[in-house]
Amino acid sequence: MQLASASILPMTLKAAMELELLEIIKGMGLGAQISTAEIATLLPSKNLQSSIMLICILRLLASYSILTCSHVDGEDGKVGRRYGLAPVCKILDPERGRCLHGRPDTHEPREGPWRQEEA
C-alpha cells in the first residue's frame, strides 16, 4: 500500500506549485491563514470541480505539515478550515533560489538500467 501511494505527495506538490498555491498564501502576508474559497477566487479556473480538487490538495499538504490548518467557526455554525504556510515552505520558495531536490516538475530520473536507450 505504501508503494502504491508513494507518488501522491510529489504529484500533489507539483500541482500546488503549478497553480502557485504557496505563492498565493505567501502573498497574503506573514502568518496569514486563508480559506479555500479565498484561494479559489485567485485561481484562473472557476470550474466547480477545481474547487473540490483544491480542497483535496490543501488537506493533503496540511496532513504532511507543508501547510498549517486551523479550524474556525463560521457564521452558519459550520466549521471552516484556513490554511497557512508551514516553516518547511521556506525550502520550497523559488524566490530564495532554494528548493529541496529541485522543483518536483523538473526532476529527471538519473541514468540507469530502467531508462530505455533511444534507437
PDB file of N, CA and C in Angstrom:
ATOM      1  N   MET A   1       0.821  -1.197   0.000  1.00  0.00           N
ATOM      2  CA  MET A   1       0.000   0.000   0.000  1.00  0.00           C
ATOM      3  C   MET A   1       0.866   1.262   0.000  1.00  0.00           C
ATOM      4  N   GLN A   2       1.976   1.240   0.747  1.00  0.00           N
ATOM      5  CA  GLN A   2       2.838   2.418   0.788  1.00  0.00           C
ATOM      6  C   GLN A   2       3.458   2.701  -0.572  1.00  0.00           C
ATOM      7  N   LEU A   3       3.824   1.655  -1.293  1.00  0.00           N
ATOM      8  CA  LEU A   3       4.400   1.858  -2.620  1.00  0.00           C
ATOM      9  C   LEU A   3       3.373   2.435  -3.586  1.00  0.00           C
ATOM     10  N   ALA A   4       2.138   1.993  -3.458  1.00  0.00           N
ATOM     11  CA  ALA A   4       1.089   2.476  -4.353  1.00  0.00           C
ATOM     12  C   ALA A   4       0.804   3.956  -4.139  1.00  0.00           C
ATOM     13  N   SER A   5       0.966   4.439  -2.920  1.00  0.00           N
ATOM     14  CA  SER A   5       0.667   5.839  -2.637  1.00  0.00           C
ATOM     15  C   SER A   5       1.916   6.710  -2.524  1.00  0.00           C
ATOM     16  N   ALA A   6       3.070   6.166  -2.855  1.00  0.00           N
ATOM     17  CA  ALA A   6       4.330   6.901  -2.697  1.00  0.00           C
ATOM     18  C   ALA A   6       4.420   8.137  -3.584  1.00  0.00           C
ATOM     19  N   SER A   7       3.729   8.151  -4.700  1.00  0.00           N
ATOM     20  CA  SER A   7       3.824   9.291  -5.619  1.00  0.00           C
ATOM     21  C   SER A   7       2.801  10.384  -5.326  1.00  0.00           C
ATOM     22  N   ILE A   8       1.946  10.176  -4.350  1.00  0.00           N
ATOM     23  CA  ILE A   8       0.880  11.147  -4.090  1.00  0.00           C
ATOM     24  C   ILE A   8       1.430  12.500  -3.666  1.00  0.00           C
ATOM     25  N   LEU A   9       2.332  12.528  -2.699  1.00  0.00           N
ATOM     26  CA  LEU A   9       2.856  13.812  -2.228  1.00  0.00           C
ATOM     27  C   LEU A   9       3.626  14.559  -3.318  1.00  0.00           C
ATOM     28  N   PRO A  10       4.575  13.942  -4.015  1.00  0.00           N
ATOM     29  CA  PRO A  10       5.288  14.705  -5.057  1.00  0.00           C
ATOM     30  C   PRO A  10       4.366  15.238  -6.152  1.00  0.00           C
ATOM     31  N   MET A  11       3.387  14.451  -6.556  1.00  0.00           N
ATOM     32  CA  MET A  11       2.481  14.909  -7.610  1.00  0.00           C
ATOM     33  C   MET A  11       1.559  16.018  -7.108  1.00  0.00           C
ATOM     34  N   THR A  12       1.130  15.929  -5.855  1.00  0.00           N
ATOM     35  CA  THR A  12       0.296  16.981  -5.282  1.00  0.00           C
ATOM     36  C   THR A  12       1.099  18.262  -5.118  1.00  0.00           C
ATOM     37  N   LEU A  13       2.331  18.127  -4.676  1.00  0.00           N
ATOM     38  CA  LEU A  13       3.200  19.292  -4.533  1.00  0.00           C
ATOM     39  C   LEU A  13       3.472  19.929  -5.896  1.00  0.00           C
ATOM     40  N   LYS A  14       3.640  19.106  -6.915  1.00  0.00           N
ATOM     41  CA  LYS A  14       3.824  19.618  -8.281  1.00  0.00           C
ATOM     42  C   LYS A  14       2.600  20.425  -8.714  1.00  0.00           C
ATOM     43  N   ALA A  15       1.407  19.889  -8.473  1.00  0.00           N
ATOM     44  CA  ALA A  15       0.175  20.600  -8.837  1.00  0.00           C
ATOM     45  C   ALA A  15       0.062  21.917  -8.073  1.00  0.00           C
ATOM     46  N   ALA A  16       0.397  21.892  -6.786  1.00  0.00           N
ATOM     47  CA  ALA A  16       0.335  23.108  -5.970  1.00  0.00           C
ATOM     48  C   ALA A  16       1.302  24.167  -6.488  1.00  0.00           C
ATOM     49  N   MET A  17       2.479  23.744  -6.922  1.00  0.00           N
ATOM     50  CA  MET A  17       3.465  24.697  -7.436  1.00  0.00           C
ATOM     51  C   MET A  17       3.049  25.235  -8.802  1.00  0.00           C
ATOM     52  N   GLU A  18       2.449  24.393  -9.636  1.00  0.00           N
ATOM     53  CA  GLU A  18       1.972  24.857 -10.941  1.00  0.00           C
ATOM     54  C   GLU A  18       0.835  25.859 -10.783  1.00  0.00           C
ATOM     55  N   LEU A  19      -0.021  25.648  -9.782  1.00  0.00           N
ATOM     56  CA  LEU A  19      -1.121  26.571  -9.509  1.00  0.00           C
ATOM     57  C   LEU A  19      -0.673  27.780  -8.696  1.00  0.00           C
ATOM     58  N   GLU A  20       0.581  27.754  -8.248  1.00  0.00           N
ATOM     59  CA  GLU A  20       1.159  28.814  -7.423  1.00  0.00           C
ATOM     60  C   GLU A  20       0.392  29.011  -6.117  1.00  0.00           C
ATOM     61  N   LEU A  21      -0.069  27.909  -5.530  1.00  0.00           N
ATOM     62  CA  LEU A  21      -0.825  27.988  -4.281  1.00  0.00           C
ATOM     63  C   LEU A  21       0.015  28.543  -3.140  1.00  0.00           C
ATOM     64  N   LEU A  22       1.275  28.111  -3.053  1.00  0.00           N
ATOM     65  CA  LEU A  22       2.133  28.599  -1.977  1.00  0.00           C
ATOM     66  C   LEU A  22       2.386  30.100  -2.132  1.00  0.00           C
ATOM     67  N   GLU A  23       2.525  30.571  -3.366  1.00  0.00           N
ATOM     68  CA  GLU A  23       2.735  31.992  -3.604  1.00  0.00           C
ATOM     69  C   GLU A  23       1.482  32.794  -3.262  1.00  0.00           C
ATOM     70  N   ILE A  24       0.311  32.231  -3.530  1.00  0.00           N
ATOM     71  CA  ILE A  24      -0.946  32.909  -3.195  1.00  0.00           C
ATOM     72  C   ILE A  24      -1.051  33.090  -1.689  1.00  0.00           C
ATOM     73  N   ILE A  25      -0.765  32.029  -0.943  1.00  0.00           N
ATOM     74  CA  ILE A  25      -0.843  32.116   0.522  1.00  0.00           C
ATOM     75  C   ILE A  25       0.230  33.072   1.039  1.00  0.00           C
ATOM     76  N   LYS A  26       1.426  32.987   0.475  1.00  0.00           N
ATOM     77  CA  LYS A  26       2.522  33.868   0.887  1.00  0.00           C
ATOM     78  C   LYS A  26       2.164  35.331   0.624  1.00  0.00           C
ATOM     79  N   GLY A  27       1.459  35.579  -0.464  1.00  0.00           N
ATOM     80  CA  GLY A  27       1.069  36.935  -0.825  1.00  0.00           C
ATOM     81  C   GLY A  27       0.099  37.576   0.151  1.00  0.00           C
ATOM     82  N   MET A  28      -0.541  36.777   0.976  1.00  0.00           N
ATOM     83  CA  MET A  28      -1.471  37.305   1.968  1.00  0.00           C
ATOM     84  C   MET A  28      -0.753  37.877   3.191  1.00  0.00           C
ATOM     85  N   GLY A  29       0.538  37.629   3.288  1.00  0.00           N
ATOM     86  CA  GLY A  29       1.307  38.187   4.396  1.00  0.00           C
ATOM     87  C   GLY A  29       1.847  37.119   5.315  1.00  0.00           C
ATOM     88  N   LEU A  30       2.808  37.516   6.117  1.00  0.00           N
ATOM     89  CA  LEU A  30       3.468  36.615   7.051  1.00  0.00           C
ATOM     90  C   LEU A  30       2.474  36.094   8.086  1.00  0.00           C
ATOM     91  N   GLY A  31       2.381  34.798   8.211  1.00  0.00           N
ATOM     92  CA  GLY A  31       1.497  34.181   9.196  1.00  0.00           C
ATOM     93  C   GLY A  31       0.026  34.190   8.815  1.00  0.00           C
ATOM     94  N   ALA A  32      -0.278  34.542   7.583  1.00  0.00           N
ATOM     95  CA  ALA A  32      -1.675  34.616   7.142  1.00  0.00           C
ATOM     96  C   ALA A  32      -2.305  33.232   7.074  1.00  0.00           C
ATOM     97  N   GLN A  33      -3.572  33.173   7.390  1.00  0.00           N
ATOM     98  CA  GLN A  33      -4.383  31.970   7.249  1.00  0.00           C
ATOM     99  C   GLN A  33      -5.496  32.324   6.267  1.00  0.00           C
ATOM    100  N   ILE A  34      -5.660  31.518   5.238  1.00  0.00           N
ATOM    101  CA  ILE A  34      -6.599  31.835   4.166  1.00  0.00           C
ATOM    102  C   ILE A  34      -7.508  30.638   3.909  1.00  0.00           C
ATOM    103  N   SER A  35      -8.756  30.911   3.607  1.00  0.00           N
ATOM    104  CA  SER A  35      -9.720  29.835   3.365  1.00  0.00           C
ATOM    105  C   SER A  35      -9.605  29.324   1.935  1.00  0.00           C
ATOM    106  N   THR A  36     -10.167  28.155   1.719  1.00  0.00           N
ATOM    107  CA  THR A  36     -10.175  27.566   0.381  1.00  0.00           C
ATOM    108  C   THR A  36     -10.935  28.463  -0.593  1.00  0.00           C
ATOM    109  N   ALA A  37     -12.039  29.039  -0.137  1.00  0.00           N
ATOM    110  CA  ALA A  37     -12.833  29.912  -1.002  1.00  0.00           C
ATOM    111  C   ALA A  37     -12.035  31.141  -1.426  1.00  0.00           C
ATOM    112  N   GLU A  38     -11.250  31.697  -0.510  1.00  0.00           N
ATOM    113  CA  GLU A  38     -10.430  32.864  -0.849  1.00  0.00           C
ATOM    114  C   GLU A  38      -9.357  32.501  -1.870  1.00  0.00           C
ATOM    115  N   ILE A  39      -8.757  31.327  -1.702  1.00  0.00           N
ATOM    116  CA  ILE A  39      -7.742  30.877  -2.660  1.00  0.00           C
ATOM    117  C   ILE A  39      -8.387  30.636  -4.020  1.00  0.00           C
ATOM    118  N   ALA A  40      -9.566  30.012  -4.031  1.00  0.00           N
ATOM    119  CA  ALA A  40     -10.246  29.680  -5.287  1.00  0.00           C
ATOM    120  C   ALA A  40     -10.557  30.926  -6.109  1.00  0.00           C
ATOM    121  N   THR A  41     -10.855  32.038  -5.446  1.00  0.00           N
ATOM    122  CA  THR A  41     -11.148  33.269  -6.192  1.00  0.00           C
ATOM    123  C   THR A  41      -9.910  33.829  -6.886  1.00  0.00           C
ATOM    124  N   LEU A  42      -8.732  33.443  -6.418  1.00  0.00           N
ATOM    125  CA  LEU A  42      -7.483  33.944  -7.004  1.00  0.00           C
ATOM    126  C   LEU A  42      -6.924  33.035  -8.094  1.00  0.00           C
ATOM    127  N   LEU A  43      -7.573  31.898  -8.318  1.00  0.00           N
ATOM    128  CA  LEU A  43      -7.136  30.965  -9.361  1.00  0.00           C
ATOM    129  C   LEU A  43      -7.844  31.286 -10.674  1.00  0.00           C
ATOM    130  N   PRO A  44      -7.205  31.007 -11.806  1.00  0.00           N
ATOM    131  CA  PRO A  44      -7.827  31.318 -13.096  1.00  0.00           C
ATOM    132  C   PRO A  44      -9.075  30.488 -13.399  1.00  0.00           C
ATOM    133  N   SER A  45      -9.162  29.276 -12.883  1.00  0.00           N
ATOM    134  CA  SER A  45     -10.296  28.399 -13.177  1.00  0.00           C
ATOM    135  C   SER A  45     -11.453  28.679 -12.227  1.00  0.00           C
ATOM    136  N   LYS A  46     -12.644  28.762 -12.765  1.00  0.00           N
ATOM    137  CA  LYS A  46     -13.845  28.969 -11.956  1.00  0.00           C
ATOM    138  C   LYS A  46     -14.742  27.729 -11.985  1.00  0.00           C
ATOM    139  N   ASN A  47     -14.186  26.619 -12.408  1.00  0.00           N
ATOM    140  CA  ASN A  47     -14.901  25.356 -12.504  1.00  0.00           C
ATOM    141  C   ASN A  47     -15.188  24.813 -11.107  1.00  0.00           C
ATOM    142  N   LEU A  48     -16.377  24.262 -10.878  1.00  0.00           N
ATOM    143  CA  LEU A  48     -16.743  23.696  -9.583  1.00  0.00           C
ATOM    144  C   LEU A  48     -15.822  22.542  -9.212  1.00  0.00           C
ATOM    145  N   GLN A  49     -15.445  21.729 -10.181  1.00  0.00           N
ATOM    146  CA  GLN A  49     -14.550  20.601  -9.920  1.00  0.00           C
ATOM    147  C   GLN A  49     -13.195  21.078  -9.408  1.00  0.00           C
ATOM    148  N   SER A  50     -12.735  22.216  -9.892  1.00  0.00           N
ATOM    149  CA  SER A  50     -11.418  22.698  -9.465  1.00  0.00           C
ATOM    150  C   SER A  50     -11.419  23.080  -7.989  1.00  0.00           C
ATOM    151  N   SER A  51     -12.535  23.582  -7.477  1.00  0.00           N
ATOM    152  CA  SER A  51     -12.574  23.921  -6.051  1.00  0.00           C
ATOM    153  C   SER A  51     -12.565  22.667  -5.184  1.00  0.00           C
ATOM    154  N   ILE A  52     -13.166  21.599  -5.666  1.00  0.00           N
ATOM    155  CA  ILE A  52     -13.134  20.327  -4.933  1.00  0.00           C
ATOM    156  C   ILE A  52     -11.715  19.775  -4.919  1.00  0.00           C
ATOM    157  N   MET A  53     -11.029  19.843  -6.053  1.00  0.00           N
ATOM    158  CA  MET A  53      -9.644  19.380  -6.120  1.00  0.00           C
ATOM    159  C   MET A  53      -8.735  20.251  -5.258  1.00  0.00           C
ATOM    160  N   LEU A  54      -9.024  21.535  -5.200  1.00  0.00           N
ATOM    161  CA  LEU A  54      -8.244  22.443  -4.362  1.00  0.00           C
ATOM    162  C   LEU A  54      -8.339  22.035  -2.893  1.00  0.00           C
ATOM    163  N   ILE A  55      -9.528  21.685  -2.452  1.00  0.00           N
ATOM    164  CA  ILE A  55      -9.714  21.219  -1.072  1.00  0.00           C
ATOM    165  C   ILE A  55      -8.856  19.985  -0.816  1.00  0.00           C
ATOM    166  N   CYS A  56      -8.860  19.050  -1.754  1.00  0.00           N
ATOM    167  CA  CYS A  56      -8.061  17.822  -1.598  1.00  0.00           C
ATOM    168  C   CYS A  56      -6.570  18.132  -1.545  1.00  0.00           C
ATOM    169  N   ILE A  57      -6.108  19.026  -2.402  1.00  0.00           N
ATOM    170  CA  ILE A  57      -4.689  19.395  -2.426  1.00  0.00           C
ATOM    171  C   ILE A  57      -4.284  20.026  -1.104  1.00  0.00           C
ATOM    172  N   LEU A  58      -5.077  20.986  -0.634  1.00  0.00           N
ATOM    173  CA  LEU A  58      -4.735  21.686   0.605  1.00  0.00           C
ATOM    174  C   LEU A  58      -4.755  20.749   1.808  1.00  0.00           C
ATOM    175  N   ARG A  59      -5.742  19.879   1.877  1.00  0.00           N
ATOM    176  CA  ARG A  59      -5.810  18.930   3.000  1.00  0.00           C
ATOM    177  C   ARG A  59      -4.620  17.982   3.004  1.00  0.00           C
ATOM    178  N   LEU A  60      -4.233  17.500   1.829  1.00  0.00           N
ATOM    179  CA  LEU A  60      -3.095  16.585   1.768  1.00  0.00           C
ATOM    180  C   LEU A  60      -1.809  17.293   2.178  1.00  0.00           C
ATOM    181  N   LEU A  61      -1.594  18.507   1.687  1.00  0.00           N
ATOM    182  CA  LEU A  61      -0.389  19.246   2.058  1.00  0.00           C
ATOM    183  C   LEU A  61      -0.373  19.561   3.552  1.00  0.00           C
ATOM    184  N   ALA A  62      -1.530  19.810   4.124  1.00  0.00           N
ATOM    185  CA  ALA A  62      -1.600  20.040   5.573  1.00  0.00           C
ATOM    186  C   ALA A  62      -1.316  18.757   6.343  1.00  0.00           C
ATOM    187  N   SER A  63      -1.750  17.620   5.817  1.00  0.00           N
ATOM    188  CA  SER A  63      -1.508  16.352   6.515  1.00  0.00           C
ATOM    189  C   SER A  63      -0.028  15.995   6.537  1.00  0.00           C
ATOM    190  N   TYR A  64       0.750  16.515   5.577  1.00  0.00           N
ATOM    191  CA  TYR A  64       2.195  16.302   5.543  1.00  0.00           C
ATOM    192  C   TYR A  64       2.957  17.474   6.173  1.00  0.00           C
ATOM    193  N   SER A  65       2.250  18.374   6.829  1.00  0.00           N
ATOM    194  CA  SER A  65       2.823  19.544   7.521  1.00  0.00           C
ATOM    195  C   SER A  65       3.561  20.492   6.585  1.00  0.00           C
ATOM    196  N   ILE A  66       3.134  20.548   5.335  1.00  0.00           N
ATOM    197  CA  ILE A  66       3.667  21.534   4.404  1.00  0.00           C
ATOM    198  C   ILE A  66       2.865  22.824   4.555  1.00  0.00           C
ATOM    199  N   LEU A  67       1.590  22.672   4.868  1.00  0.00           N
ATOM    200  CA  LEU A  67       0.727  23.797   5.206  1.00  0.00           C
ATOM    201  C   LEU A  67       0.235  23.621   6.637  1.00  0.00           C
ATOM    202  N   THR A  68      -0.124  24.731   7.258  1.00  0.00           N
ATOM    203  CA  THR A  68      -0.793  24.657   8.553  1.00  0.00           C
ATOM    204  C   THR A  68      -2.291  24.711   8.290  1.00  0.00           C
ATOM    205  N   CYS A  69      -3.060  24.165   9.191  1.00  0.00           N
ATOM    206  CA  CYS A  69      -4.513  24.172   9.042  1.00  0.00           C
ATOM    207  C   CYS A  69      -5.126  24.523  10.389  1.00  0.00           C
ATOM    208  N   SER A  70      -5.962  25.536  10.388  1.00  0.00           N
ATOM    209  CA  SER A  70      -6.674  25.897  11.611  1.00  0.00           C
ATOM    210  C   SER A  70      -8.170  25.845  11.328  1.00  0.00           C
ATOM    211  N   HIS A  71      -8.921  25.520  12.353  1.00  0.00           N
ATOM    212  CA  HIS A  71     -10.369  25.415  12.225  1.00  0.00           C
ATOM    213  C   HIS A  71     -11.012  26.657  12.829  1.00  0.00           C
ATOM    214  N   VAL A  72     -11.961  27.218  12.101  1.00  0.00           N
ATOM    215  CA  VAL A  72     -12.678  28.398  12.579  1.00  0.00           C
ATOM    216  C   VAL A  72     -14.175  28.134  12.478  1.00  0.00           C
ATOM    217  N   ASP A  73     -14.918  28.678  13.429  1.00  0.00           N
ATOM    218  CA  ASP A  73     -16.374  28.551  13.409  1.00  0.00           C
ATOM    219  C   ASP A  73     -16.950  29.588  12.458  1.00  0.00           C
ATOM    220  N   GLY A  74     -17.765  29.111  11.531  1.00  0.00           N
ATOM    221  CA  GLY A  74     -18.394  30.008  10.578  1.00  0.00           C
ATOM    222  C   GLY A  74     -19.647  30.638  11.151  1.00  0.00           C
ATOM    223  N   GLU A  75     -20.161  31.637  10.458  1.00  0.00           N
ATOM    224  CA  GLU A  75     -21.373  32.318  10.903  1.00  0.00           C
ATOM    225  C   GLU A  75     -22.583  31.398  10.874  1.00  0.00           C
ATOM    226  N   ASP A  76     -22.554  30.412   9.988  1.00  0.00           N
ATOM    227  CA  ASP A  76     -23.672  29.481   9.862  1.00  0.00           C
ATOM    228  C   ASP A  76     -23.547  28.293  10.814  1.00  0.00           C
ATOM    229  N   GLY A  77     -22.549  28.307  11.690  1.00  0.00           N
ATOM    230  CA  GLY A  77     -22.357  27.223  12.649  1.00  0.00           C
ATOM    231  C   GLY A  77     -21.465  26.108  12.148  1.00  0.00           C
ATOM    232  N   LYS A  78     -21.087  26.156  10.883  1.00  0.00           N
ATOM    233  CA  LYS A  78     -20.197  25.137  10.328  1.00  0.00           C
ATOM    234  C   LYS A  78     -18.747  25.506  10.625  1.00  0.00           C
ATOM    235  N   VAL A  79     -17.928  24.476  10.733  1.00  0.00           N
ATOM    236  CA  VAL A  79     -16.502  24.687  10.969  1.00  0.00           C
ATOM    237  C   VAL A  79     -15.794  24.788   9.627  1.00  0.00           C
ATOM    238  N   GLY A  80     -14.988  25.815   9.465  1.00  0.00           N
ATOM    239  CA  GLY A  80     -14.224  26.000   8.238  1.00  0.00           C
ATOM    240  C   GLY A  80     -12.742  25.813   8.496  1.00  0.00           C
ATOM    241  N   ARG A  81     -12.010  25.593   7.445  1.00  0.00           N
ATOM    242  CA  ARG A  81     -10.558  25.431   7.546  1.00  0.00           C
ATOM    243  C   ARG A  81      -9.872  26.626   6.896  1.00  0.00           C
ATOM    244  N   ARG A  82      -8.785  27.037   7.521  1.00  0.00           N
ATOM    245  CA  ARG A  82      -7.945  28.098   6.978  1.00  0.00           C
ATOM    246  C   ARG A  82      -6.524  27.568   6.923  1.00  0.00           C
ATOM    247  N   TYR A  83      -5.845  27.856   5.829  1.00  0.00           N
ATOM    248  CA  TYR A  83      -4.524  27.295   5.583  1.00  0.00           C
ATOM    249  C   TYR A  83      -3.465  28.390   5.570  1.00  0.00           C
ATOM    250  N   GLY A  84      -2.298  28.030   6.065  1.00  0.00           N
ATOM    251  CA  GLY A  84      -1.149  28.930   6.065  1.00  0.00           C
ATOM    252  C   GLY A  84       0.102  28.155   5.703  1.00  0.00           C
ATOM    253  N   LEU A  85       1.196  28.861   5.554  1.00  0.00           N
ATOM    254  CA  LEU A  85       2.464  28.225   5.209  1.00  0.00           C
ATOM    255  C   LEU A  85       3.152  27.700   6.466  1.00  0.00           C
ATOM    256  N   ALA A  86       3.609  26.475   6.402  1.00  0.00           N
ATOM    257  CA  ALA A  86       4.404  25.896   7.484  1.00  0.00           C
ATOM    258  C   ALA A  86       5.866  26.299   7.270  1.00  0.00           C
ATOM    259  N   PRO A  87       6.693  26.201   8.308  1.00  0.00           N
ATOM    260  CA  PRO A  87       8.107  26.592   8.165  1.00  0.00           C
ATOM    261  C   PRO A  87       8.845  25.890   7.023  1.00  0.00           C
ATOM    262  N   VAL A  88       8.458  24.669   6.685  1.00  0.00           N
ATOM    263  CA  VAL A  88       9.141  23.937   5.611  1.00  0.00           C
ATOM    264  C   VAL A  88       8.992  24.637   4.257  1.00  0.00           C
ATOM    265  N   CYS A  89       8.021  25.514   4.120  1.00  0.00           N
ATOM    266  CA  CYS A  89       7.811  26.210   2.846  1.00  0.00           C
ATOM    267  C   CYS A  89       8.973  27.128   2.490  1.00  0.00           C
ATOM    268  N   LYS A  90       9.802  27.482   3.473  1.00  0.00           N
ATOM    269  CA  LYS A  90      10.995  28.286   3.169  1.00  0.00           C
ATOM    270  C   LYS A  90      11.905  27.536   2.200  1.00  0.00           C
ATOM    271  N   ILE A  91      11.937  26.222   2.313  1.00  0.00           N
ATOM    272  CA  ILE A  91      12.762  25.398   1.433  1.00  0.00           C
ATOM    273  C   ILE A  91      12.180  25.364   0.022  1.00  0.00           C
ATOM    274  N   LEU A  92      10.874  25.510  -0.086  1.00  0.00           N
ATOM    275  CA  LEU A  92      10.193  25.400  -1.376  1.00  0.00           C
ATOM    276  C   LEU A  92      10.001  26.746  -2.066  1.00  0.00           C
ATOM    277  N   ASP A  93      10.587  27.800  -1.538  1.00  0.00           N
ATOM    278  CA  ASP A  93      10.393  29.146  -2.064  1.00  0.00           C
ATOM    279  C   ASP A  93      11.344  29.402  -3.233  1.00  0.00           C
ATOM    280  N   PRO A  94      10.829  29.486  -4.461  1.00  0.00           N
ATOM    281  CA  PRO A  94      11.711  29.708  -5.611  1.00  0.00           C
ATOM    282  C   PRO A  94      12.381  31.079  -5.593  1.00  0.00           C
ATOM    283  N   GLU A  95      11.804  32.060  -4.898  1.00  0.00           N
ATOM    284  CA  GLU A  95      12.406  33.391  -4.824  1.00  0.00           C
ATOM    285  C   GLU A  95      13.712  33.375  -4.042  1.00  0.00           C
ATOM    286  N   ARG A  96      13.844  32.444  -3.128  1.00  0.00           N
ATOM    287  CA  ARG A  96      15.073  32.334  -2.351  1.00  0.00           C
ATOM    288  C   ARG A  96      16.124  31.523  -3.105  1.00  0.00           C
ATOM    289  N   GLY A  97      15.738  30.977  -4.252  1.00  0.00           N
ATOM    290  CA  GLY A  97      16.671  30.198  -5.049  1.00  0.00           C
ATOM    291  C   GLY A  97      16.984  28.842  -4.452  1.00  0.00           C
ATOM    292  N   ARG A  98      16.133  28.401  -3.535  1.00  0.00           N
ATOM    293  CA  ARG A  98      16.362  27.097  -2.915  1.00  0.00           C
ATOM    294  C   ARG A  98      15.117  26.251  -3.112  1.00  0.00           C
ATOM    295  N   CYS A  99      15.346  25.012  -3.332  1.00  0.00           N
ATOM    296  CA  CYS A  99      14.247  24.063  -3.385  1.00  0.00           C
ATOM    297  C   CYS A  99      14.836  22.684  -3.171  1.00  0.00           C
ATOM    298  N   LEU A 100      14.201  21.928  -2.330  1.00  0.00           N
ATOM    299  CA  LEU A 100      14.683  20.601  -2.000  1.00  0.00           C
ATOM    300  C   LEU A 100      14.671  19.722  -3.248  1.00  0.00           C
ATOM    301  N   HIS A 101      15.833  19.295  -3.718  1.00  0.00           N
ATOM    302  CA  HIS A 101      15.981  18.433  -4.898  1.00  0.00           C
ATOM    303  C   HIS A 101      15.368  19.050  -6.142  1.00  0.00           C
ATOM    304  N   GLY A 102      15.367  20.348  -6.268  1.00  0.00           N
ATOM    305  CA  GLY A 102      14.795  20.999  -7.437  1.00  0.00           C
ATOM    306  C   GLY A 102      13.276  20.973  -7.379  1.00  0.00           C
ATOM    307  N   ARG A 103      12.665  21.625  -8.310  1.00  0.00           N
ATOM    308  CA  ARG A 103      11.200  21.605  -8.340  1.00  0.00           C
ATOM    309  C   ARG A 103      10.735  20.218  -8.727  1.00  0.00           C
ATOM    310  N   PRO A 104       9.636  19.752  -8.133  1.00  0.00           N
ATOM    311  CA  PRO A 104       9.159  18.403  -8.447  1.00  0.00           C
ATOM    312  C   PRO A 104       8.827  18.204  -9.918  1.00  0.00           C
ATOM    313  N   ASP A 105       8.457  19.275 -10.617  1.00  0.00           N
ATOM    314  CA  ASP A 105       8.078  19.124 -12.017  1.00  0.00           C
ATOM    315  C   ASP A 105       9.273  19.131 -12.962  1.00  0.00           C
ATOM    316  N   THR A 106      10.469  19.395 -12.452  1.00  0.00           N
ATOM    317  CA  THR A 106      11.643  19.395 -13.310  1.00  0.00           C
ATOM    318  C   THR A 106      12.576  18.238 -13.009  1.00  0.00           C
ATOM    319  N   HIS A 107      12.196  17.380 -12.110  1.00  0.00           N
ATOM    320  CA  HIS A 107      13.060  16.266 -11.721  1.00  0.00           C
ATOM    321  C   HIS A 107      13.132  15.241 -12.844  1.00  0.00           C
ATOM    322  N   GLU A 108      14.324  14.920 -13.239  1.00  0.00           N
ATOM    323  CA  GLU A 108      14.553  13.897 -14.252  1.00  0.00           C
ATOM    324  C   GLU A 108      15.245  12.715 -13.593  1.00  0.00           C
ATOM    325  N   PRO A 109      14.818  11.500 -13.901  1.00  0.00           N
ATOM    326  CA  PRO A 109      15.496  10.342 -13.320  1.00  0.00           C
ATOM    327  C   PRO A 109      16.937  10.257 -13.801  1.00  0.00           C
ATOM    328  N   ARG A 110      17.780   9.736 -12.953  1.00  0.00           N
ATOM    329  CA  ARG A 110      19.186   9.555 -13.317  1.00  0.00           C
ATOM    330  C   ARG A 110      19.314   8.414 -14.309  1.00  0.00           C
ATOM    331  N   GLU A 111      20.472   8.369 -14.915  1.00  0.00           N
ATOM    332  CA  GLU A 111      20.759   7.269 -15.833  1.00  0.00           C
ATOM    333  C   GLU A 111      20.765   5.958 -15.062  1.00  0.00           C
ATOM    334  N   GLY A 112      20.294   4.926 -15.688  1.00  0.00           N
ATOM    335  CA  GLY A 112      20.292   3.628 -15.043  1.00  0.00           C
ATOM    336  C   GLY A 112      19.682   2.580 -15.942  1.00  0.00           C
ATOM    337  N   PRO A 113      19.637   1.360 -15.481  1.00  0.00           N
ATOM    338  CA  PRO A 113      19.138   0.264 -16.308  1.00  0.00           C
ATOM    339  C   PRO A 113      17.657   0.388 -16.655  1.00  0.00           C
ATOM    340  N   TRP A 114      16.907   1.205 -15.917  1.00  0.00           N
ATOM    341  CA  TRP A 114      15.476   1.339 -16.169  1.00  0.00           C
ATOM    342  C   TRP A 114      15.185   2.292 -17.323  1.00  0.00           C
ATOM    343  N   ARG A 115      16.176   3.065 -17.769  1.00  0.00           N
ATOM    344  CA  ARG A 115      15.980   4.001 -18.872  1.00  0.00           C
ATOM    345  C   ARG A 115      16.197   3.299 -20.195  1.00  0.00           C
ATOM    346  N   GLN A 116      15.321   3.544 -21.118  1.00  0.00           N
ATOM    347  CA  GLN A 116      15.413   2.951 -22.450  1.00  0.00           C
ATOM    348  C   GLN A 116      16.402   3.747 -23.294  1.00  0.00           C
ATOM    349  N   GLU A 117      17.255   3.047 -23.973  1.00  0.00           N
ATOM    350  CA  GLU A 117      18.167   3.693 -24.912  1.00  0.00           C
ATOM    351  C   GLU A 117      17.394   4.013 -26.181  1.00  0.00           C
ATOM    352  N   GLU A 118      17.600   5.223 -26.692  1.00  0.00           N
ATOM    353  CA  GLU A 118      16.929   5.602 -27.930  1.00  0.00           C
ATOM    354  C   GLU A 118      17.657   4.978 -29.107  1.00  0.00           C
ATOM    355  N   ALA A 119      16.874   4.470 -30.053  1.00  0.00           N
ATOM    356  CA  ALA A 119      17.468   3.795 -31.215  1.00  0.00           C
ATOM    357  C   ALA A 119      17.819   4.761 -32.304  1.00  0.00           C
TER     358      ALA A 119
END
